[in-house]
């Protein structure tokens, strides 16, 4: 899925969900746009529902969908939880060793790569450098965020064996505090060019998509980002839609109508992302 996106110059949306209503919305939006899609869970909802429950639900939605649907564990620092998710049926795992030193990051990432590959067709995403902001249980203040060293990117990919690579290039988790975030486009371009010399080409991930302007998103995709993570935006859709619905229907006690309103709002927003990333009609 991601290798095709890399070769053909578009990105696949990877959408973080915290509920099964959101999960259904991701699948419905992808189906409407005829697009491949990735459903992601961070550590907190993964532990709340349990990996097996999430994997079973995603599998049920995916089996009924006419488009490819993958299930990804996002930003997990816990090796054992990564393995539990593999055993439960997740198709992609991100082991986040980005706050470790270079060699330790490689070692812990390599451990998960070996486990995932021995389990079958389970791919692994690794990160080099640190993305500022907060993503679930991983928090990095802006002053401590470190960009991915270009000269270490290929070494990290080769020694760790990752299938997908997430370089820190200046994007941030959460909401940007400035309309002009300091994204190092040149760094991304150089990393993508270096990885393009290897076969097979390693897909590159862009973290911190929420709040970026459409032109910036298109530029990141054009430079080679083929997996584009969206998390905070959907949290806002969930909370804002719920608040608006309750304000207008305070005397109504019909959870099904609330779920429908939340789902439709997500389908619309996710559809916009799919169009922006260029994956419409790519299923």
C-alpha atoms as a PDB file:
ATOM      1  CA  UNK A   1       0.000   0.000   0.000  1.00  0.00           C
ATOM      2  CA  UNK A   2       2.626   2.552   1.074  1.00  0.00           C
ATOM      3  CA  UNK A   3       5.186   1.479  -1.503  1.00  0.00           C
ATOM      4  CA  UNK A   4       2.687   2.132  -4.268  1.00  0.00           C
ATOM      5  CA  UNK A   5       1.935   5.552  -2.780  1.00  0.00           C
ATOM      6  CA  UNK A   6       5.673   6.263  -2.683  1.00  0.00           C
ATOM      7  CA  UNK A   7       6.133   5.260  -6.309  1.00  0.00           C
ATOM      8  CA  UNK A   8       3.083   7.144  -7.598  1.00  0.00           C
ATOM      9  CA  UNK A   9       3.474  10.331  -5.568  1.00  0.00           C
ATOM     10  CA  UNK A  10       0.490  10.487  -3.247  1.00  0.00           C
ATOM     11  CA  UNK A  11      -0.023   9.915   0.464  1.00  0.00           C
ATOM     12  CA  UNK A  12      -2.300   7.612   2.408  1.00  0.00           C
ATOM     13  CA  UNK A  13      -4.165   9.121   5.333  1.00  0.00           C
ATOM     14  CA  UNK A  14      -3.473   7.464   8.683  1.00  0.00           C
ATOM     15  CA  UNK A  15      -6.265   8.496  11.037  1.00  0.00           C
ATOM     16  CA  UNK A  16      -6.087   8.096  14.808  1.00  0.00           C
ATOM     17  CA  UNK A  17      -9.333   6.923  16.387  1.00  0.00           C
ATOM     18  CA  UNK A  18     -10.507   6.599  19.975  1.00  0.00           C
ATOM     19  CA  UNK A  19     -13.921   5.043  19.335  1.00  0.00           C
ATOM     20  CA  UNK A  20     -15.605   2.545  17.050  1.00  0.00           C
ATOM     21  CA  UNK A  21     -17.798   5.339  15.663  1.00  0.00           C
ATOM     22  CA  UNK A  22     -14.633   7.049  14.428  1.00  0.00           C
ATOM     23  CA  UNK A  23     -13.330   3.745  13.074  1.00  0.00           C
ATOM     24  CA  UNK A  24     -16.522   3.252  11.071  1.00  0.00           C
ATOM     25  CA  UNK A  25     -16.291   6.830   9.794  1.00  0.00           C
ATOM     26  CA  UNK A  26     -12.753   6.270   8.502  1.00  0.00           C
ATOM     27  CA  UNK A  27     -13.885   3.216   6.547  1.00  0.00           C
ATOM     28  CA  UNK A  28     -16.983   4.953   5.164  1.00  0.00           C
ATOM     29  CA  UNK A  29     -14.986   8.004   4.074  1.00  0.00           C
ATOM     30  CA  UNK A  30     -12.361   5.836   2.377  1.00  0.00           C
ATOM     31  CA  UNK A  31     -15.068   3.810   0.652  1.00  0.00           C
ATOM     32  CA  UNK A  32     -16.769   6.955  -0.641  1.00  0.00           C
ATOM     33  CA  UNK A  33     -13.459   8.235  -2.006  1.00  0.00           C
ATOM     34  CA  UNK A  34     -12.295   4.808  -3.253  1.00  0.00           C
ATOM     35  CA  UNK A  35      -9.094   5.283  -1.281  1.00  0.00           C
ATOM     36  CA  UNK A  36      -6.806   2.998   0.719  1.00  0.00           C
ATOM     37  CA  UNK A  37      -6.687   4.018   4.354  1.00  0.00           C
ATOM     38  CA  UNK A  38      -4.926   3.374   7.654  1.00  0.00           C
ATOM     39  CA  UNK A  39      -6.723   3.297  10.996  1.00  0.00           C
ATOM     40  CA  UNK A  40      -4.441   4.117  13.928  1.00  0.00           C
ATOM     41  CA  UNK A  41      -4.754   3.751  17.675  1.00  0.00           C
ATOM     42  CA  UNK A  42      -2.368   5.313  20.150  1.00  0.00           C
ATOM     43  CA  UNK A  43      -1.509   3.623  23.421  1.00  0.00           C
ATOM     44  CA  UNK A  44      -4.381   4.935  25.584  1.00  0.00           C
ATOM     45  CA  UNK A  45      -7.337   3.654  23.504  1.00  0.00           C
ATOM     46  CA  UNK A  46      -5.391   0.489  22.743  1.00  0.00           C
ATOM     47  CA  UNK A  47      -5.153  -0.271  26.452  1.00  0.00           C
ATOM     48  CA  UNK A  48      -8.702   0.937  27.142  1.00  0.00           C
ATOM     49  CA  UNK A  49     -10.401  -1.434  24.686  1.00  0.00           C
ATOM     50  CA  UNK A  50      -7.638  -4.030  24.430  1.00  0.00           C
ATOM     51  CA  UNK A  51      -5.686  -4.911  21.280  1.00  0.00           C
ATOM     52  CA  UNK A  52      -7.826  -7.961  20.478  1.00  0.00           C
ATOM     53  CA  UNK A  53     -11.091  -6.017  20.617  1.00  0.00           C
ATOM     54  CA  UNK A  54      -9.752  -3.227  18.415  1.00  0.00           C
ATOM     55  CA  UNK A  55      -8.245  -5.648  15.906  1.00  0.00           C
ATOM     56  CA  UNK A  56     -11.462  -7.684  15.719  1.00  0.00           C
ATOM     57  CA  UNK A  57     -13.568  -4.568  15.135  1.00  0.00           C
ATOM     58  CA  UNK A  58     -11.216  -3.229  12.483  1.00  0.00           C
ATOM     59  CA  UNK A  59     -11.115  -6.610  10.766  1.00  0.00           C
ATOM     60  CA  UNK A  60     -14.927  -6.701  10.663  1.00  0.00           C
ATOM     61  CA  UNK A  61     -15.124  -3.214   9.152  1.00  0.00           C
ATOM     62  CA  UNK A  62     -12.301  -3.992   6.713  1.00  0.00           C
ATOM     63  CA  UNK A  63     -13.868  -7.263   5.565  1.00  0.00           C
ATOM     64  CA  UNK A  64     -17.021  -5.388   4.559  1.00  0.00           C
ATOM     65  CA  UNK A  65     -15.133  -2.560   2.836  1.00  0.00           C
ATOM     66  CA  UNK A  66     -14.297  -2.489  -0.892  1.00  0.00           C
ATOM     67  CA  UNK A  67     -11.047  -0.618  -0.168  1.00  0.00           C
ATOM     68  CA  UNK A  68      -7.800  -1.645   1.578  1.00  0.00           C
ATOM     69  CA  UNK A  69      -7.850  -0.932   5.331  1.00  0.00           C
ATOM     70  CA  UNK A  70      -4.828  -1.366   7.615  1.00  0.00           C
ATOM     71  CA  UNK A  71      -4.605  -1.150  11.417  1.00  0.00           C
ATOM     72  CA  UNK A  72      -1.602   0.634  12.905  1.00  0.00           C
ATOM     73  CA  UNK A  73      -0.335   1.034  16.483  1.00  0.00           C
ATOM     74  CA  UNK A  74       0.924   4.600  16.816  1.00  0.00           C
ATOM     75  CA  UNK A  75       3.787   5.927  18.965  1.00  0.00           C
ATOM     76  CA  UNK A  76       4.245   2.970  21.293  1.00  0.00           C
ATOM     77  CA  UNK A  77       7.313   2.885  23.533  1.00  0.00           C
ATOM     78  CA  UNK A  78       6.307  -0.387  25.217  1.00  0.00           C
ATOM     79  CA  UNK A  79       7.888  -3.386  23.505  1.00  0.00           C
ATOM     80  CA  UNK A  80       5.499  -5.857  25.125  1.00  0.00           C
ATOM     81  CA  UNK A  81       2.414  -3.904  24.044  1.00  0.00           C
ATOM     82  CA  UNK A  82       3.780  -3.825  20.509  1.00  0.00           C
ATOM     83  CA  UNK A  83       4.032  -7.598  20.583  1.00  0.00           C
ATOM     84  CA  UNK A  84       0.513  -7.968  22.017  1.00  0.00           C
ATOM     85  CA  UNK A  85      -0.843  -5.886  19.160  1.00  0.00           C
ATOM     86  CA  UNK A  86       0.991  -8.018  16.602  1.00  0.00           C
ATOM     87  CA  UNK A  87      -0.455 -11.153  18.173  1.00  0.00           C
ATOM     88  CA  UNK A  88      -3.942  -9.593  18.158  1.00  0.00           C
ATOM     89  CA  UNK A  89      -3.850  -8.855  14.438  1.00  0.00           C
ATOM     90  CA  UNK A  90      -2.530  -5.327  13.931  1.00  0.00           C
ATOM     91  CA  UNK A  91      -0.976  -5.011  10.487  1.00  0.00           C
ATOM     92  CA  UNK A  92       1.477  -2.187  11.276  1.00  0.00           C
ATOM     93  CA  UNK A  93       3.414  -1.242  14.407  1.00  0.00           C
ATOM     94  CA  UNK A  94       5.244   1.955  15.302  1.00  0.00           C
ATOM     95  CA  UNK A  95       7.847   1.369  17.967  1.00  0.00           C
ATOM     96  CA  UNK A  96       8.856   4.828  19.161  1.00  0.00           C
ATOM     97  CA  UNK A  97      12.451   4.793  20.342  1.00  0.00           C
ATOM     98  CA  UNK A  98      13.028   8.366  19.239  1.00  0.00           C
ATOM     99  CA  UNK A  99      13.815   9.611  22.738  1.00  0.00           C
ATOM    100  CA  UNK A 100      16.565   7.015  23.161  1.00  0.00           C
ATOM    101  CA  UNK A 101      20.105   7.488  21.928  1.00  0.00           C
ATOM    102  CA  UNK A 102      20.807   6.406  18.355  1.00  0.00           C
ATOM    103  CA  UNK A 103      22.106   2.900  19.034  1.00  0.00           C
ATOM    104  CA  UNK A 104      19.434   2.130  21.646  1.00  0.00           C
ATOM    105  CA  UNK A 105      16.737   3.338  19.260  1.00  0.00           C
ATOM    106  CA  UNK A 106      18.076   0.977  16.620  1.00  0.00           C
ATOM    107  CA  UNK A 107      18.248  -1.927  19.068  1.00  0.00           C
ATOM    108  CA  UNK A 108      14.686  -1.623  20.373  1.00  0.00           C
ATOM    109  CA  UNK A 109      13.336  -0.995  16.877  1.00  0.00           C
ATOM    110  CA  UNK A 110      15.230  -4.005  15.546  1.00  0.00           C
ATOM    111  CA  UNK A 111      13.691  -6.207  18.241  1.00  0.00           C
ATOM    112  CA  UNK A 112      10.193  -5.268  17.101  1.00  0.00           C
ATOM    113  CA  UNK A 113      11.110  -5.629  13.425  1.00  0.00           C
ATOM    114  CA  UNK A 114      12.295  -9.187  14.012  1.00  0.00           C
ATOM    115  CA  UNK A 115       9.153 -10.030  16.000  1.00  0.00           C
ATOM    116  CA  UNK A 116       6.809  -8.532  13.404  1.00  0.00           C
ATOM    117  CA  UNK A 117       8.515 -10.103  10.416  1.00  0.00           C
ATOM    118  CA  UNK A 118       8.590 -13.513  12.062  1.00  0.00           C
ATOM    119  CA  UNK A 119       4.850 -13.182  12.735  1.00  0.00           C
ATOM    120  CA  UNK A 120       4.092 -12.663   9.053  1.00  0.00           C
ATOM    121  CA  UNK A 121       3.218  -9.650   6.951  1.00  0.00           C
ATOM    122  CA  UNK A 122       3.395  -7.047   9.738  1.00  0.00           C
ATOM    123  CA  UNK A 123       5.299  -3.872   8.898  1.00  0.00           C
ATOM    124  CA  UNK A 124       7.192  -1.633  11.313  1.00  0.00           C
ATOM    125  CA  UNK A 125       7.550   2.137  11.460  1.00  0.00           C
ATOM    126  CA  UNK A 126      10.491   3.701  13.256  1.00  0.00           C
ATOM    127  CA  UNK A 127      11.257   7.319  14.077  1.00  0.00           C
ATOM    128  CA  UNK A 128      14.541   9.227  14.162  1.00  0.00           C
ATOM    129  CA  UNK A 129      14.605  12.648  15.759  1.00  0.00           C
ATOM    130  CA  UNK A 130      11.743  13.812  17.964  1.00  0.00           C
ATOM    131  CA  UNK A 131       8.490  15.511  16.994  1.00  0.00           C
ATOM    132  CA  UNK A 132       7.493  18.272  19.405  1.00  0.00           C
ATOM    133  CA  UNK A 133       4.089  18.398  21.100  1.00  0.00           C
ATOM    134  CA  UNK A 134       2.050  15.689  22.798  1.00  0.00           C
ATOM    135  CA  UNK A 135       0.840  12.471  21.213  1.00  0.00           C
ATOM    136  CA  UNK A 136      -0.922  10.332  23.793  1.00  0.00           C
ATOM    137  CA  UNK A 137       1.720   9.367  26.372  1.00  0.00           C
ATOM    138  CA  UNK A 138       4.712  10.770  24.462  1.00  0.00           C
ATOM    139  CA  UNK A 139       5.433  14.457  25.165  1.00  0.00           C
ATOM    140  CA  UNK A 140       8.301  16.516  23.746  1.00  0.00           C
ATOM    141  CA  UNK A 141       8.688  20.226  24.446  1.00  0.00           C
ATOM    142  CA  UNK A 142       9.663  22.308  21.424  1.00  0.00           C
ATOM    143  CA  UNK A 143      13.087  23.276  22.777  1.00  0.00           C
ATOM    144  CA  UNK A 144      13.992  19.602  23.214  1.00  0.00           C
ATOM    145  CA  UNK A 145      12.744  18.439  19.830  1.00  0.00           C
ATOM    146  CA  UNK A 146      15.565  17.214  17.608  1.00  0.00           C
ATOM    147  CA  UNK A 147      15.379  17.022  13.836  1.00  0.00           C
ATOM    148  CA  UNK A 148      16.385  13.841  12.061  1.00  0.00           C
ATOM    149  CA  UNK A 149      20.092  13.963  11.114  1.00  0.00           C
ATOM    150  CA  UNK A 150      20.227  13.444   7.361  1.00  0.00           C
ATOM    151  CA  UNK A 151      23.496  11.526   7.517  1.00  0.00           C
ATOM    152  CA  UNK A 152      21.989   9.004   9.960  1.00  0.00           C
ATOM    153  CA  UNK A 153      18.711   8.311   8.149  1.00  0.00           C
ATOM    154  CA  UNK A 154      19.894   5.535   5.845  1.00  0.00           C
ATOM    155  CA  UNK A 155      21.990   3.953   8.593  1.00  0.00           C
ATOM    156  CA  UNK A 156      18.954   3.876  10.883  1.00  0.00           C
ATOM    157  CA  UNK A 157      16.760   2.280   8.224  1.00  0.00           C
ATOM    158  CA  UNK A 158      19.363  -0.320   7.264  1.00  0.00           C
ATOM    159  CA  UNK A 159      20.427  -1.307  10.768  1.00  0.00           C
ATOM    160  CA  UNK A 160      16.936  -1.357  12.267  1.00  0.00           C
ATOM    161  CA  UNK A 161      15.281  -2.999   9.276  1.00  0.00           C
ATOM    162  CA  UNK A 162      12.179  -0.801   9.438  1.00  0.00           C
ATOM    163  CA  UNK A 163       9.681  -0.959   6.604  1.00  0.00           C
ATOM    164  CA  UNK A 164       8.490   2.638   7.049  1.00  0.00           C
ATOM    165  CA  UNK A 165      10.516   5.633   8.258  1.00  0.00           C
ATOM    166  CA  UNK A 166       9.357   8.705  10.196  1.00  0.00           C
ATOM    167  CA  UNK A 167      11.997  11.468  10.202  1.00  0.00           C
ATOM    168  CA  UNK A 168      11.484  14.485  12.455  1.00  0.00           C
ATOM    169  CA  UNK A 169      11.468  17.499  10.128  1.00  0.00           C
ATOM    170  CA  UNK A 170       9.889  20.224  12.262  1.00  0.00           C
ATOM    171  CA  UNK A 171       6.218  19.248  12.214  1.00  0.00           C
ATOM    172  CA  UNK A 172       4.501  18.989  15.603  1.00  0.00           C
ATOM    173  CA  UNK A 173       1.826  16.976  17.348  1.00  0.00           C
ATOM    174  CA  UNK A 174      -1.226  18.889  18.512  1.00  0.00           C
ATOM    175  CA  UNK A 175      -2.158  22.382  17.331  1.00  0.00           C
ATOM    176  CA  UNK A 176       0.497  24.695  15.896  1.00  0.00           C
ATOM    177  CA  UNK A 177       1.039  27.851  17.931  1.00  0.00           C
ATOM    178  CA  UNK A 178       2.187  29.808  14.878  1.00  0.00           C
ATOM    179  CA  UNK A 179       0.676  30.117  11.389  1.00  0.00           C
ATOM    180  CA  UNK A 180       4.165  29.615   9.946  1.00  0.00           C
ATOM    181  CA  UNK A 181       5.651  26.452  11.501  1.00  0.00           C
ATOM    182  CA  UNK A 182       9.363  25.943  10.904  1.00  0.00           C
ATOM    183  CA  UNK A 183       9.304  22.844   8.732  1.00  0.00           C
ATOM    184  CA  UNK A 184      12.599  21.782   7.179  1.00  0.00           C
ATOM    185  CA  UNK A 185      11.462  20.884   3.669  1.00  0.00           C
ATOM    186  CA  UNK A 186      15.034  20.606   2.427  1.00  0.00           C
ATOM    187  CA  UNK A 187      15.807  18.025   5.105  1.00  0.00           C
ATOM    188  CA  UNK A 188      12.813  15.941   4.032  1.00  0.00           C
ATOM    189  CA  UNK A 189      13.839  16.187   0.387  1.00  0.00           C
ATOM    190  CA  UNK A 190      17.401  15.062   1.120  1.00  0.00           C
ATOM    191  CA  UNK A 191      16.233  12.123   3.241  1.00  0.00           C
ATOM    192  CA  UNK A 192      13.757  10.967   0.595  1.00  0.00           C
ATOM    193  CA  UNK A 193      16.439  11.195  -2.099  1.00  0.00           C
ATOM    194  CA  UNK A 194      18.860   9.112  -0.040  1.00  0.00           C
ATOM    195  CA  UNK A 195      16.237   6.460   0.676  1.00  0.00           C
ATOM    196  CA  UNK A 196      15.251   6.382  -3.009  1.00  0.00           C
ATOM    197  CA  UNK A 197      18.669   4.907  -3.822  1.00  0.00           C
ATOM    198  CA  UNK A 198      17.749   1.753  -1.904  1.00  0.00           C
ATOM    199  CA  UNK A 199      15.576  -1.074  -3.177  1.00  0.00           C
ATOM    200  CA  UNK A 200      12.869  -1.443  -2.200  1.00  0.00           C
ATOM    201  CA  UNK A 201      12.250   2.240  -1.466  1.00  0.00           C
ATOM    202  CA  UNK A 202      11.334   2.943   2.133  1.00  0.00           C
ATOM    203  CA  UNK A 203       8.086   4.930   2.516  1.00  0.00           C
ATOM    204  CA  UNK A 204       8.372   8.124   4.559  1.00  0.00           C
ATOM    205  CA  UNK A 205       5.849   9.227   7.199  1.00  0.00           C
ATOM    206  CA  UNK A 206       4.766  12.761   8.065  1.00  0.00           C
ATOM    207  CA  UNK A 207       3.672  13.205  11.681  1.00  0.00           C
ATOM    208  CA  UNK A 208       1.812  16.249  12.989  1.00  0.00           C
ATOM    209  CA  UNK A 209      -0.604  16.959  10.138  1.00  0.00           C
ATOM    210  CA  UNK A 210      -3.243  18.895  12.072  1.00  0.00           C
ATOM    211  CA  UNK A 211      -3.214  22.642  11.483  1.00  0.00           C
ATOM    212  CA  UNK A 212      -0.941  22.657   8.454  1.00  0.00           C
ATOM    213  CA  UNK A 213      -2.154  24.685   5.488  1.00  0.00           C
ATOM    214  CA  UNK A 214      -3.209  22.849   2.349  1.00  0.00           C
ATOM    215  CA  UNK A 215      -0.212  24.168   0.403  1.00  0.00           C
ATOM    216  CA  UNK A 216       2.180  22.862   3.066  1.00  0.00           C
ATOM    217  CA  UNK A 217       0.493  19.457   3.063  1.00  0.00           C
ATOM    218  CA  UNK A 218       0.722  19.225  -0.725  1.00  0.00           C
ATOM    219  CA  UNK A 219       4.380  20.228  -0.609  1.00  0.00           C
ATOM    220  CA  UNK A 220       5.183  17.567   1.996  1.00  0.00           C
ATOM    221  CA  UNK A 221       3.442  14.940  -0.110  1.00  0.00           C
ATOM    222  CA  UNK A 222       5.157  16.207  -3.253  1.00  0.00           C
ATOM    223  CA  UNK A 223       8.548  15.859  -1.583  1.00  0.00           C
ATOM    224  CA  UNK A 224       7.869  12.217  -0.782  1.00  0.00           C
ATOM    225  CA  UNK A 225       5.686  11.872   2.298  1.00  0.00           C
ATOM    226  CA  UNK A 226       3.544   8.807   1.578  1.00  0.00           C
ATOM    227  CA  UNK A 227       1.903   8.201   4.984  1.00  0.00           C
ATOM    228  CA  UNK A 228       0.305  11.239   6.583  1.00  0.00           C
ATOM    229  CA  UNK A 229      -0.808  11.060  10.209  1.00  0.00           C
ATOM    230  CA  UNK A 230      -3.936  12.903  11.366  1.00  0.00           C
ATOM    231  CA  UNK A 231      -4.845  12.746  15.052  1.00  0.00           C
ATOM    232  CA  UNK A 232      -5.619  16.053  16.780  1.00  0.00           C
ATOM    233  CA  UNK A 233      -7.953  17.197  14.006  1.00  0.00           C
ATOM    234  CA  UNK A 234     -10.243  14.225  14.617  1.00  0.00           C
ATOM    235  CA  UNK A 235     -10.202  14.830  18.369  1.00  0.00           C
ATOM    236  CA  UNK A 236     -11.516  18.320  17.665  1.00  0.00           C
ATOM    237  CA  UNK A 237     -14.185  16.961  15.323  1.00  0.00           C
ATOM    238  CA  UNK A 238     -15.301  14.494  17.986  1.00  0.00           C
ATOM    239  CA  UNK A 239     -15.475  16.971  20.859  1.00  0.00           C
ATOM    240  CA  UNK A 240     -16.837  19.916  18.866  1.00  0.00           C
ATOM    241  CA  UNK A 241     -19.547  17.881  17.136  1.00  0.00           C
ATOM    242  CA  UNK A 242     -20.612  16.331  20.435  1.00  0.00           C
ATOM    243  CA  UNK A 243     -20.772  19.726  22.146  1.00  0.00           C
ATOM    244  CA  UNK A 244     -22.751  21.279  19.290  1.00  0.00           C
ATOM    245  CA  UNK A 245     -25.197  18.375  19.183  1.00  0.00           C
ATOM    246  CA  UNK A 246     -25.818  18.484  22.930  1.00  0.00           C
ATOM    247  CA  UNK A 247     -26.318  22.241  22.842  1.00  0.00           C
ATOM    248  CA  UNK A 248     -29.016  21.849  20.197  1.00  0.00           C
ATOM    249  CA  UNK A 249     -30.650  18.673  21.526  1.00  0.00           C
ATOM    250  CA  UNK A 250     -30.367  19.029  25.280  1.00  0.00           C
ATOM    251  CA  UNK A 251     -33.732  17.353  25.900  1.00  0.00           C
ATOM    252  CA  UNK A 252     -33.063  14.440  23.569  1.00  0.00           C
ATOM    253  CA  UNK A 253     -31.684  11.237  25.044  1.00  0.00           C
ATOM    254  CA  UNK A 254     -31.009   9.284  21.872  1.00  0.00           C
ATOM    255  CA  UNK A 255     -27.346   8.223  21.748  1.00  0.00           C
ATOM    256  CA  UNK A 256     -27.815   6.776  18.274  1.00  0.00           C
ATOM    257  CA  UNK A 257     -28.548  10.199  16.807  1.00  0.00           C
ATOM    258  CA  UNK A 258     -25.480  11.621  18.534  1.00  0.00           C
ATOM    259  CA  UNK A 259     -23.364   8.794  17.115  1.00  0.00           C
ATOM    260  CA  UNK A 260     -24.749   9.490  13.645  1.00  0.00           C
ATOM    261  CA  UNK A 261     -23.932  13.193  13.905  1.00  0.00           C
ATOM    262  CA  UNK A 262     -20.399  12.424  15.068  1.00  0.00           C
ATOM    263  CA  UNK A 263     -19.894   9.843  12.339  1.00  0.00           C
ATOM    264  CA  UNK A 264     -21.101  12.105   9.538  1.00  0.00           C
ATOM    265  CA  UNK A 265     -18.883  14.968  10.719  1.00  0.00           C
ATOM    266  CA  UNK A 266     -15.892  12.635  10.664  1.00  0.00           C
ATOM    267  CA  UNK A 267     -16.748  11.228   7.233  1.00  0.00           C
ATOM    268  CA  UNK A 268     -16.804  14.754   5.836  1.00  0.00           C
ATOM    269  CA  UNK A 269     -13.508  15.806   7.436  1.00  0.00           C
ATOM    270  CA  UNK A 270     -11.681  12.588   6.581  1.00  0.00           C
ATOM    271  CA  UNK A 271     -12.925  12.875   3.007  1.00  0.00           C
ATOM    272  CA  UNK A 272     -11.336  16.325   2.794  1.00  0.00           C
ATOM    273  CA  UNK A 273      -8.024  14.894   3.990  1.00  0.00           C
ATOM    274  CA  UNK A 274      -8.159  12.047   1.473  1.00  0.00           C
ATOM    275  CA  UNK A 275      -8.709  14.523  -1.358  1.00  0.00           C
ATOM    276  CA  UNK A 276      -5.868  16.734  -0.125  1.00  0.00           C
ATOM    277  CA  UNK A 277      -3.442  13.820   0.112  1.00  0.00           C
ATOM    278  CA  UNK A 278      -4.197  12.694  -3.428  1.00  0.00           C
ATOM    279  CA  UNK A 279      -5.336   9.167  -2.573  1.00  0.00           C
ATOM    280  CA  UNK A 280      -8.857   9.444  -4.018  1.00  0.00           C
ATOM    281  CA  UNK A 281      -9.476   6.645  -6.505  1.00  0.00           C
ATOM    282  CA  UNK A 282      -6.267   4.808  -5.576  1.00  0.00           C
ATOM    283  CA  UNK A 283      -7.921   1.762  -3.991  1.00  0.00           C
END
